[in-house]
PDB file of N, CA and C in Angstrom:
ATOM      1  N   MET A   1      94.440 130.729 153.033  1.00  0.00           N
ATOM      2  CA  MET A   1      93.577 131.558 152.266  1.00  0.00           C
ATOM      3  C   MET A   1      92.977 130.731 151.099  1.00  0.00           C
ATOM      4  N   GLY A   2      91.694 130.914 150.881  1.00  0.00           N
ATOM      5  CA  GLY A   2      91.063 130.220 149.802  1.00  0.00           C
ATOM      6  C   GLY A   2      90.247 131.171 148.952  1.00  0.00           C
ATOM      7  N   ILE A   3      90.186 130.871 147.707  1.00  0.00           N
ATOM      8  CA  ILE A   3      89.351 131.631 146.772  1.00  0.00           C
ATOM      9  C   ILE A   3      88.022 130.961 146.747  1.00  0.00           C
ATOM     10  N   ASP A   4      86.950 131.743 147.067  1.00  0.00           N
ATOM     11  CA  ASP A   4      85.622 131.097 147.041  1.00  0.00           C
ATOM     12  C   ASP A   4      85.015 131.188 145.644  1.00  0.00           C
ATOM     13  N   HIS A   5      83.961 130.428 145.447  1.00  0.00           N
ATOM     14  CA  HIS A   5      83.318 130.303 144.182  1.00  0.00           C
ATOM     15  C   HIS A   5      82.815 131.668 143.686  1.00  0.00           C
ATOM     16  N   ARG A   6      82.273 132.458 144.574  1.00  0.00           N
ATOM     17  CA  ARG A   6      81.737 133.783 144.168  1.00  0.00           C
ATOM     18  C   ARG A   6      82.865 134.686 143.660  1.00  0.00           C
ATOM     19  N   GLU A   7      83.993 134.698 144.356  1.00  0.00           N
ATOM     20  CA  GLU A   7      85.143 135.499 143.898  1.00  0.00           C
ATOM     21  C   GLU A   7      85.629 135.058 142.538  1.00  0.00           C
ATOM     22  N   LEU A   8      85.697 133.763 142.347  1.00  0.00           N
ATOM     23  CA  LEU A   8      86.105 133.213 141.072  1.00  0.00           C
ATOM     24  C   LEU A   8      85.149 133.610 139.950  1.00  0.00           C
ATOM     25  N   THR A   9      83.886 133.505 140.236  1.00  0.00           N
ATOM     26  CA  THR A   9      82.846 133.836 139.218  1.00  0.00           C
ATOM     27  C   THR A   9      82.905 135.341 138.883  1.00  0.00           C
ATOM     28  N   VAL A  10      83.064 136.171 139.905  1.00  0.00           N
ATOM     29  CA  VAL A  10      83.188 137.610 139.651  1.00  0.00           C
ATOM     30  C   VAL A  10      84.377 137.895 138.766  1.00  0.00           C
ATOM     31  N   PHE A  11      85.533 137.343 139.161  1.00  0.00           N
ATOM     32  CA  PHE A  11      86.759 137.536 138.401  1.00  0.00           C
ATOM     33  C   PHE A  11      86.548 137.144 136.936  1.00  0.00           C
ATOM     34  N   LEU A  12      86.000 135.973 136.681  1.00  0.00           N
ATOM     35  CA  LEU A  12      85.818 135.492 135.336  1.00  0.00           C
ATOM     36  C   LEU A  12      84.879 136.358 134.552  1.00  0.00           C
ATOM     37  N   ASN A  13      83.777 136.785 135.181  1.00  0.00           N
ATOM     38  CA  ASN A  13      82.848 137.647 134.460  1.00  0.00           C
ATOM     39  C   ASN A  13      83.416 139.017 134.121  1.00  0.00           C
ATOM     40  N   VAL A  14      84.156 139.623 135.026  1.00  0.00           N
ATOM     41  CA  VAL A  14      84.784 140.899 134.712  1.00  0.00           C
ATOM     42  C   VAL A  14      85.811 140.730 133.644  1.00  0.00           C
ATOM     43  N   ALA A  15      86.605 139.646 133.706  1.00  0.00           N
ATOM     44  CA  ALA A  15      87.630 139.381 132.678  1.00  0.00           C
ATOM     45  C   ALA A  15      86.962 139.194 131.310  1.00  0.00           C
ATOM     46  N   ARG A  16      85.892 138.453 131.246  1.00  0.00           N
ATOM     47  CA  ARG A  16      85.245 138.147 129.965  1.00  0.00           C
ATOM     48  C   ARG A  16      84.518 139.381 129.377  1.00  0.00           C
ATOM     49  N   LEU A  17      83.836 140.105 130.259  1.00  0.00           N
ATOM     50  CA  LEU A  17      82.975 141.187 129.812  1.00  0.00           C
ATOM     51  C   LEU A  17      83.695 142.529 129.777  1.00  0.00           C
ATOM     52  N   GLY A  18      84.825 142.688 130.464  1.00  0.00           N
ATOM     53  CA  GLY A  18      85.609 143.865 130.377  1.00  0.00           C
ATOM     54  C   GLY A  18      85.192 145.057 131.207  1.00  0.00           C
ATOM     55  N   SER A  19      84.162 144.873 132.018  1.00  0.00           N
ATOM     56  CA  SER A  19      83.744 145.981 132.902  1.00  0.00           C
ATOM     57  C   SER A  19      82.978 145.477 134.093  1.00  0.00           C
ATOM     58  N   VAL A  20      83.041 146.212 135.174  1.00  0.00           N
ATOM     59  CA  VAL A  20      82.285 145.885 136.392  1.00  0.00           C
ATOM     60  C   VAL A  20      80.781 145.978 136.097  1.00  0.00           C
ATOM     61  N   GLY A  21      80.417 147.058 135.374  1.00  0.00           N
ATOM     62  CA  GLY A  21      78.993 147.261 135.097  1.00  0.00           C
ATOM     63  C   GLY A  21      78.391 146.089 134.313  1.00  0.00           C
ATOM     64  N   ALA A  22      79.048 145.649 133.249  1.00  0.00           N
ATOM     65  CA  ALA A  22      78.563 144.561 132.418  1.00  0.00           C
ATOM     66  C   ALA A  22      78.501 143.295 133.249  1.00  0.00           C
ATOM     67  N   ALA A  23      79.552 143.033 134.031  1.00  0.00           N
ATOM     68  CA  ALA A  23      79.556 141.826 134.851  1.00  0.00           C
ATOM     69  C   ALA A  23      78.429 141.844 135.927  1.00  0.00           C
ATOM     70  N   ALA A  24      78.234 143.020 136.506  1.00  0.00           N
ATOM     71  CA  ALA A  24      77.171 143.160 137.517  1.00  0.00           C
ATOM     72  C   ALA A  24      75.801 142.908 136.887  1.00  0.00           C
ATOM     73  N   ASP A  25      75.570 143.446 135.729  1.00  0.00           N
ATOM     74  CA  ASP A  25      74.305 143.189 135.015  1.00  0.00           C
ATOM     75  C   ASP A  25      74.161 141.705 134.690  1.00  0.00           C
ATOM     76  N   ALA A  26      75.190 141.059 134.214  1.00  0.00           N
ATOM     77  CA  ALA A  26      75.148 139.661 133.842  1.00  0.00           C
ATOM     78  C   ALA A  26      74.857 138.783 135.060  1.00  0.00           C
ATOM     79  N   MET A  27      75.374 139.204 136.190  1.00  0.00           N
ATOM     80  CA  MET A  27      75.263 138.370 137.396  1.00  0.00           C
ATOM     81  C   MET A  27      74.093 138.838 138.312  1.00  0.00           C
ATOM     82  N   SER A  28      73.352 139.830 137.870  1.00  0.00           N
ATOM     83  CA  SER A  28      72.253 140.416 138.646  1.00  0.00           C
ATOM     84  C   SER A  28      72.705 140.842 140.039  1.00  0.00           C
ATOM     85  N   LEU A  29      73.878 141.500 140.073  1.00  0.00           N
ATOM     86  CA  LEU A  29      74.391 142.072 141.320  1.00  0.00           C
ATOM     87  C   LEU A  29      74.569 143.572 141.148  1.00  0.00           C
ATOM     88  N   THR A  30      74.693 144.285 142.233  1.00  0.00           N
ATOM     89  CA  THR A  30      74.982 145.682 142.138  1.00  0.00           C
ATOM     90  C   THR A  30      76.492 145.835 141.885  1.00  0.00           C
ATOM     91  N   GLN A  31      76.826 146.949 141.243  1.00  0.00           N
ATOM     92  CA  GLN A  31      78.260 147.235 140.976  1.00  0.00           C
ATOM     93  C   GLN A  31      79.058 147.299 142.252  1.00  0.00           C
ATOM     94  N   PRO A  32      78.572 147.967 143.323  1.00  0.00           N
ATOM     95  CA  PRO A  32      79.343 148.016 144.544  1.00  0.00           C
ATOM     96  C   PRO A  32      79.592 146.650 145.157  1.00  0.00           C
ATOM     97  N   ALA A  33      78.608 145.751 145.114  1.00  0.00           N
ATOM     98  CA  ALA A  33      78.793 144.397 145.646  1.00  0.00           C
ATOM     99  C   ALA A  33      79.829 143.655 144.828  1.00  0.00           C
ATOM    100  N   LEU A  34      79.780 143.752 143.522  1.00  0.00           N
ATOM    101  CA  LEU A  34      80.739 143.099 142.658  1.00  0.00           C
ATOM    102  C   LEU A  34      82.144 143.653 142.894  1.00  0.00           C
ATOM    103  N   SER A  35      82.230 144.980 143.028  1.00  0.00           N
ATOM    104  CA  SER A  35      83.560 145.604 143.275  1.00  0.00           C
ATOM    105  C   SER A  35      84.146 145.157 144.604  1.00  0.00           C
ATOM    106  N   ARG A  36      83.289 145.031 145.640  1.00  0.00           N
ATOM    107  CA  ARG A  36      83.758 144.562 146.957  1.00  0.00           C
ATOM    108  C   ARG A  36      84.302 143.144 146.869  1.00  0.00           C
ATOM    109  N   THR A  37      83.614 142.288 146.136  1.00  0.00           N
ATOM    110  CA  THR A  37      84.048 140.899 145.962  1.00  0.00           C
ATOM    111  C   THR A  37      85.375 140.865 145.230  1.00  0.00           C
ATOM    112  N   LEU A  38      85.510 141.629 144.207  1.00  0.00           N
ATOM    113  CA  LEU A  38      86.772 141.666 143.404  1.00  0.00           C
ATOM    114  C   LEU A  38      87.872 142.223 144.289  1.00  0.00           C
ATOM    115  N   ARG A  39      87.640 143.258 145.055  1.00  0.00           N
ATOM    116  CA  ARG A  39      88.672 143.804 145.957  1.00  0.00           C
ATOM    117  C   ARG A  39      89.111 142.776 146.999  1.00  0.00           C
ATOM    118  N   ARG A  40      88.137 142.017 147.499  1.00  0.00           N
ATOM    119  CA  ARG A  40      88.435 140.989 148.502  1.00  0.00           C
ATOM    120  C   ARG A  40      89.376 139.932 147.911  1.00  0.00           C
ATOM    121  N   LEU A  41      89.110 139.536 146.672  1.00  0.00           N
ATOM    122  CA  LEU A  41      89.933 138.539 145.980  1.00  0.00           C
ATOM    123  C   LEU A  41      91.368 139.134 145.797  1.00  0.00           C
ATOM    124  N   GLU A  42      91.425 140.371 145.401  1.00  0.00           N
ATOM    125  CA  GLU A  42      92.789 140.999 145.203  1.00  0.00           C
ATOM    126  C   GLU A  42      93.495 141.101 146.515  1.00  0.00           C
ATOM    127  N   GLN A  43      92.780 141.399 147.610  1.00  0.00           N
ATOM    128  CA  GLN A  43      93.410 141.448 148.939  1.00  0.00           C
ATOM    129  C   GLN A  43      93.904 140.073 149.371  1.00  0.00           C
ATOM    130  N   HIS A  44      93.112 139.037 149.127  1.00  0.00           N
ATOM    131  CA  HIS A  44      93.533 137.657 149.490  1.00  0.00           C
ATOM    132  C   HIS A  44      94.820 137.309 148.755  1.00  0.00           C
ATOM    133  N   LEU A  45      94.897 137.667 147.468  1.00  0.00           N
ATOM    134  CA  LEU A  45      96.042 137.289 146.646  1.00  0.00           C
ATOM    135  C   LEU A  45      97.208 138.270 146.829  1.00  0.00           C
ATOM    136  N   GLY A  46      96.909 139.469 147.297  1.00  0.00           N
ATOM    137  CA  GLY A  46      97.967 140.474 147.517  1.00  0.00           C
ATOM    138  C   GLY A  46      98.448 141.099 146.252  1.00  0.00           C
ATOM    139  N   VAL A  47      97.611 141.109 145.192  1.00  0.00           N
ATOM    140  CA  VAL A  47      97.992 141.691 143.911  1.00  0.00           C
ATOM    141  C   VAL A  47      96.758 142.385 143.306  1.00  0.00           C
ATOM    142  N   THR A  48      97.010 143.226 142.334  1.00  0.00           N
ATOM    143  CA  THR A  48      95.975 143.880 141.592  1.00  0.00           C
ATOM    144  C   THR A  48      95.731 143.034 140.325  1.00  0.00           C
ATOM    145  N   LEU A  49      94.495 142.631 140.101  1.00  0.00           N
ATOM    146  CA  LEU A  49      94.162 141.758 138.971  1.00  0.00           C
ATOM    147  C   LEU A  49      93.750 142.521 137.726  1.00  0.00           C
ATOM    148  N   PHE A  50      93.270 143.751 137.936  1.00  0.00           N
ATOM    149  CA  PHE A  50      92.783 144.559 136.799  1.00  0.00           C
ATOM    150  C   PHE A  50      93.354 145.995 136.927  1.00  0.00           C
ATOM    151  N   VAL A  51      93.592 146.545 135.744  1.00  0.00           N
ATOM    152  CA  VAL A  51      93.820 147.984 135.645  1.00  0.00           C
ATOM    153  C   VAL A  51      92.471 148.587 135.357  1.00  0.00           C
ATOM    154  N   ARG A  52      92.070 149.537 136.201  1.00  0.00           N
ATOM    155  CA  ARG A  52      90.786 150.132 136.044  1.00  0.00           C
ATOM    156  C   ARG A  52      90.876 151.374 135.156  1.00  0.00           C
ATOM    157  N   HIS A  53      90.082 151.450 134.109  1.00  0.00           N
ATOM    158  CA  HIS A  53      90.029 152.586 133.201  1.00  0.00           C
ATOM    159  C   HIS A  53      88.618 153.118 133.248  1.00  0.00           C
ATOM    160  N   SER A  54      88.425 154.347 132.804  1.00  0.00           N
ATOM    161  CA  SER A  54      87.060 154.893 132.758  1.00  0.00           C
ATOM    162  C   SER A  54      86.175 154.132 131.767  1.00  0.00           C
ATOM    163  N   THR A  55      86.804 153.438 130.839  1.00  0.00           N
ATOM    164  CA  THR A  55      86.025 152.703 129.835  1.00  0.00           C
ATOM    165  C   THR A  55      85.924 151.223 130.109  1.00  0.00           C
ATOM    166  N   GLY A  56      86.535 150.739 131.175  1.00  0.00           N
ATOM    167  CA  GLY A  56      86.444 149.338 131.496  1.00  0.00           C
ATOM    168  C   GLY A  56      87.636 148.842 132.304  1.00  0.00           C
ATOM    169  N   MET A  57      87.801 147.524 132.297  1.00  0.00           N
ATOM    170  CA  MET A  57      88.823 146.877 133.079  1.00  0.00           C
ATOM    171  C   MET A  57      89.746 146.108 132.144  1.00  0.00           C
ATOM    172  N   GLU A  58      91.018 146.097 132.466  1.00  0.00           N
ATOM    173  CA  GLU A  58      92.015 145.342 131.705  1.00  0.00           C
ATOM    174  C   GLU A  58      92.812 144.502 132.665  1.00  0.00           C
ATOM    175  N   LEU A  59      93.012 143.209 132.303  1.00  0.00           N
ATOM    176  CA  LEU A  59      93.757 142.321 133.157  1.00  0.00           C
ATOM    177  C   LEU A  59      95.197 142.770 133.278  1.00  0.00           C
ATOM    178  N   THR A  60      95.710 142.677 134.508  1.00  0.00           N
ATOM    179  CA  THR A  60      97.166 142.886 134.696  1.00  0.00           C
ATOM    180  C   THR A  60      97.910 141.578 134.412  1.00  0.00           C
ATOM    181  N   THR A  61      99.187 141.594 134.557  1.00  0.00           N
ATOM    182  CA  THR A  61      99.992 140.378 134.380  1.00  0.00           C
ATOM    183  C   THR A  61      99.471 139.317 135.333  1.00  0.00           C
ATOM    184  N   TYR A  62      99.170 139.724 136.586  1.00  0.00           N
ATOM    185  CA  TYR A  62      98.662 138.790 137.580  1.00  0.00           C
ATOM    186  C   TYR A  62      97.271 138.218 137.139  1.00  0.00           C
ATOM    187  N   GLY A  63      96.427 139.088 136.662  1.00  0.00           N
ATOM    188  CA  GLY A  63      95.090 138.669 136.189  1.00  0.00           C
ATOM    189  C   GLY A  63      95.196 137.713 135.026  1.00  0.00           C
ATOM    190  N   ARG A  64      96.121 137.986 134.097  1.00  0.00           N
ATOM    191  CA  ARG A  64      96.295 137.103 132.931  1.00  0.00           C
ATOM    192  C   ARG A  64      96.846 135.752 133.378  1.00  0.00           C
ATOM    193  N   SER A  65      97.654 135.749 134.434  1.00  0.00           N
ATOM    194  CA  SER A  65      98.186 134.531 134.961  1.00  0.00           C
ATOM    195  C   SER A  65      97.088 133.707 135.649  1.00  0.00           C
ATOM    196  N   LEU A  66      96.174 134.353 136.371  1.00  0.00           N
ATOM    197  CA  LEU A  66      95.109 133.669 137.074  1.00  0.00           C
ATOM    198  C   LEU A  66      94.031 133.151 136.136  1.00  0.00           C
ATOM    199  N   LEU A  67      93.769 133.824 135.039  1.00  0.00           N
ATOM    200  CA  LEU A  67      92.662 133.523 134.160  1.00  0.00           C
ATOM    201  C   LEU A  67      92.567 132.045 133.742  1.00  0.00           C
ATOM    202  N   PRO A  68      93.625 131.434 133.181  1.00  0.00           N
ATOM    203  CA  PRO A  68      93.412 130.052 132.726  1.00  0.00           C
ATOM    204  C   PRO A  68      93.184 129.094 133.925  1.00  0.00           C
ATOM    205  N   HIS A  69      93.740 129.387 135.074  1.00  0.00           N
ATOM    206  CA  HIS A  69      93.509 128.556 136.267  1.00  0.00           C
ATOM    207  C   HIS A  69      92.054 128.741 136.756  1.00  0.00           C
ATOM    208  N   ALA A  70      91.565 129.923 136.732  1.00  0.00           N
ATOM    209  CA  ALA A  70      90.221 130.207 137.151  1.00  0.00           C
ATOM    210  C   ALA A  70      89.222 129.506 136.188  1.00  0.00           C
ATOM    211  N   GLU A  71      89.501 129.533 134.931  1.00  0.00           N
ATOM    212  CA  GLU A  71      88.653 128.850 133.936  1.00  0.00           C
ATOM    213  C   GLU A  71      88.640 127.371 134.187  1.00  0.00           C
ATOM    214  N   LEU A  72      89.827 126.780 134.447  1.00  0.00           N
ATOM    215  CA  LEU A  72      89.883 125.354 134.713  1.00  0.00           C
ATOM    216  C   LEU A  72      89.091 124.992 135.995  1.00  0.00           C
ATOM    217  N   LEU A  73      89.262 125.788 137.016  1.00  0.00           N
ATOM    218  CA  LEU A  73      88.510 125.523 138.275  1.00  0.00           C
ATOM    219  C   LEU A  73      86.994 125.621 138.014  1.00  0.00           C
ATOM    220  N   ALA A  74      86.562 126.649 137.310  1.00  0.00           N
ATOM    221  CA  ALA A  74      85.105 126.816 137.077  1.00  0.00           C
ATOM    222  C   ALA A  74      84.599 125.645 136.205  1.00  0.00           C
ATOM    223  N   ASN A  75      85.353 125.242 135.197  1.00  0.00           N
ATOM    224  CA  ASN A  75      84.911 124.170 134.353  1.00  0.00           C
ATOM    225  C   ASN A  75      84.880 122.831 135.107  1.00  0.00           C
ATOM    226  N   GLY A  76      85.896 122.641 135.984  1.00  0.00           N
ATOM    227  CA  GLY A  76      85.933 121.422 136.795  1.00  0.00           C
ATOM    228  C   GLY A  76      84.779 121.348 137.765  1.00  0.00           C
ATOM    229  N   LEU A  77      84.427 122.448 138.365  1.00  0.00           N
ATOM    230  CA  LEU A  77      83.276 122.484 139.282  1.00  0.00           C
ATOM    231  C   LEU A  77      81.996 122.204 138.517  1.00  0.00           C
ATOM    232  N   ARG A  78      81.865 122.799 137.309  1.00  0.00           N
ATOM    233  CA  ARG A  78      80.666 122.569 136.522  1.00  0.00           C
ATOM    234  C   ARG A  78      80.560 121.073 136.122  1.00  0.00           C
ATOM    235  N   ARG A  79      81.680 120.473 135.759  1.00  0.00           N
ATOM    236  CA  ARG A  79      81.670 119.035 135.427  1.00  0.00           C
ATOM    237  C   ARG A  79      81.318 118.175 136.607  1.00  0.00           C
ATOM    238  N   ALA A  80      81.843 118.534 137.793  1.00  0.00           N
ATOM    239  CA  ALA A  80      81.563 117.771 139.003  1.00  0.00           C
ATOM    240  C   ALA A  80      80.066 117.822 139.327  1.00  0.00           C
ATOM    241  N   VAL A  81      79.511 119.020 139.234  1.00  0.00           N
ATOM    242  CA  VAL A  81      78.057 119.179 139.530  1.00  0.00           C
ATOM    243  C   VAL A  81      77.232 118.370 138.505  1.00  0.00           C
ATOM    244  N   ASP A  82      77.654 118.439 137.248  1.00  0.00           N
ATOM    245  CA  ASP A  82      76.948 117.657 136.194  1.00  0.00           C
ATOM    246  C   ASP A  82      77.004 116.155 136.497  1.00  0.00           C
ATOM    247  N   GLU A  83      78.183 115.690 136.917  1.00  0.00           N
ATOM    248  CA  GLU A  83      78.317 114.260 137.212  1.00  0.00           C
ATOM    249  C   GLU A  83      77.460 113.851 138.434  1.00  0.00           C
ATOM    250  N   ILE A  84      77.451 114.678 139.437  1.00  0.00           N
ATOM    251  CA  ILE A  84      76.624 114.394 140.603  1.00  0.00           C
ATOM    252  C   ILE A  84      75.137 114.347 140.186  1.00  0.00           C
ATOM    253  N   ASP A  85      74.739 115.325 139.361  1.00  0.00           N
ATOM    254  CA  ASP A  85      73.345 115.355 138.887  1.00  0.00           C
ATOM    255  C   ASP A  85      72.998 114.055 138.114  1.00  0.00           C
ATOM    256  N   GLN A  86      73.938 113.572 137.311  1.00  0.00           N
ATOM    257  CA  GLN A  86      73.668 112.359 136.555  1.00  0.00           C
ATOM    258  C   GLN A  86      73.603 111.125 137.459  1.00  0.00           C
ATOM    259  N   LEU A  87      74.335 111.140 138.560  1.00  0.00           N
ATOM    260  CA  LEU A  87      74.312 109.997 139.486  1.00  0.00           C
ATOM    261  C   LEU A  87      73.054 109.949 140.343  1.00  0.00           C
ATOM    262  N   LYS A  88      72.345 111.068 140.497  1.00  0.00           N
ATOM    263  CA  LYS A  88      71.155 111.089 141.329  1.00  0.00           C
ATOM    264  C   LYS A  88      70.073 110.176 140.798  1.00  0.00           C
TER     265      LYS A  88
END
């Protein structure tokens, strides 16, 4: 099982912005598409990453555990792309 870039980006945006709606707006996606991607990530991992409230989303223990790793992966990918761009 692998976490793809889109799942990682969705997770990070929902974690940072605190809601599916805000993350969907920021990513120019529909809320249902974003929710499906988040559900797929949770199914891959076999855990619930967020507690869903009517006012937003809150990270679970699993989500809080994943967050720093997801940030490192996203930053590493960004640095790799920047390095490739500089080498061109």
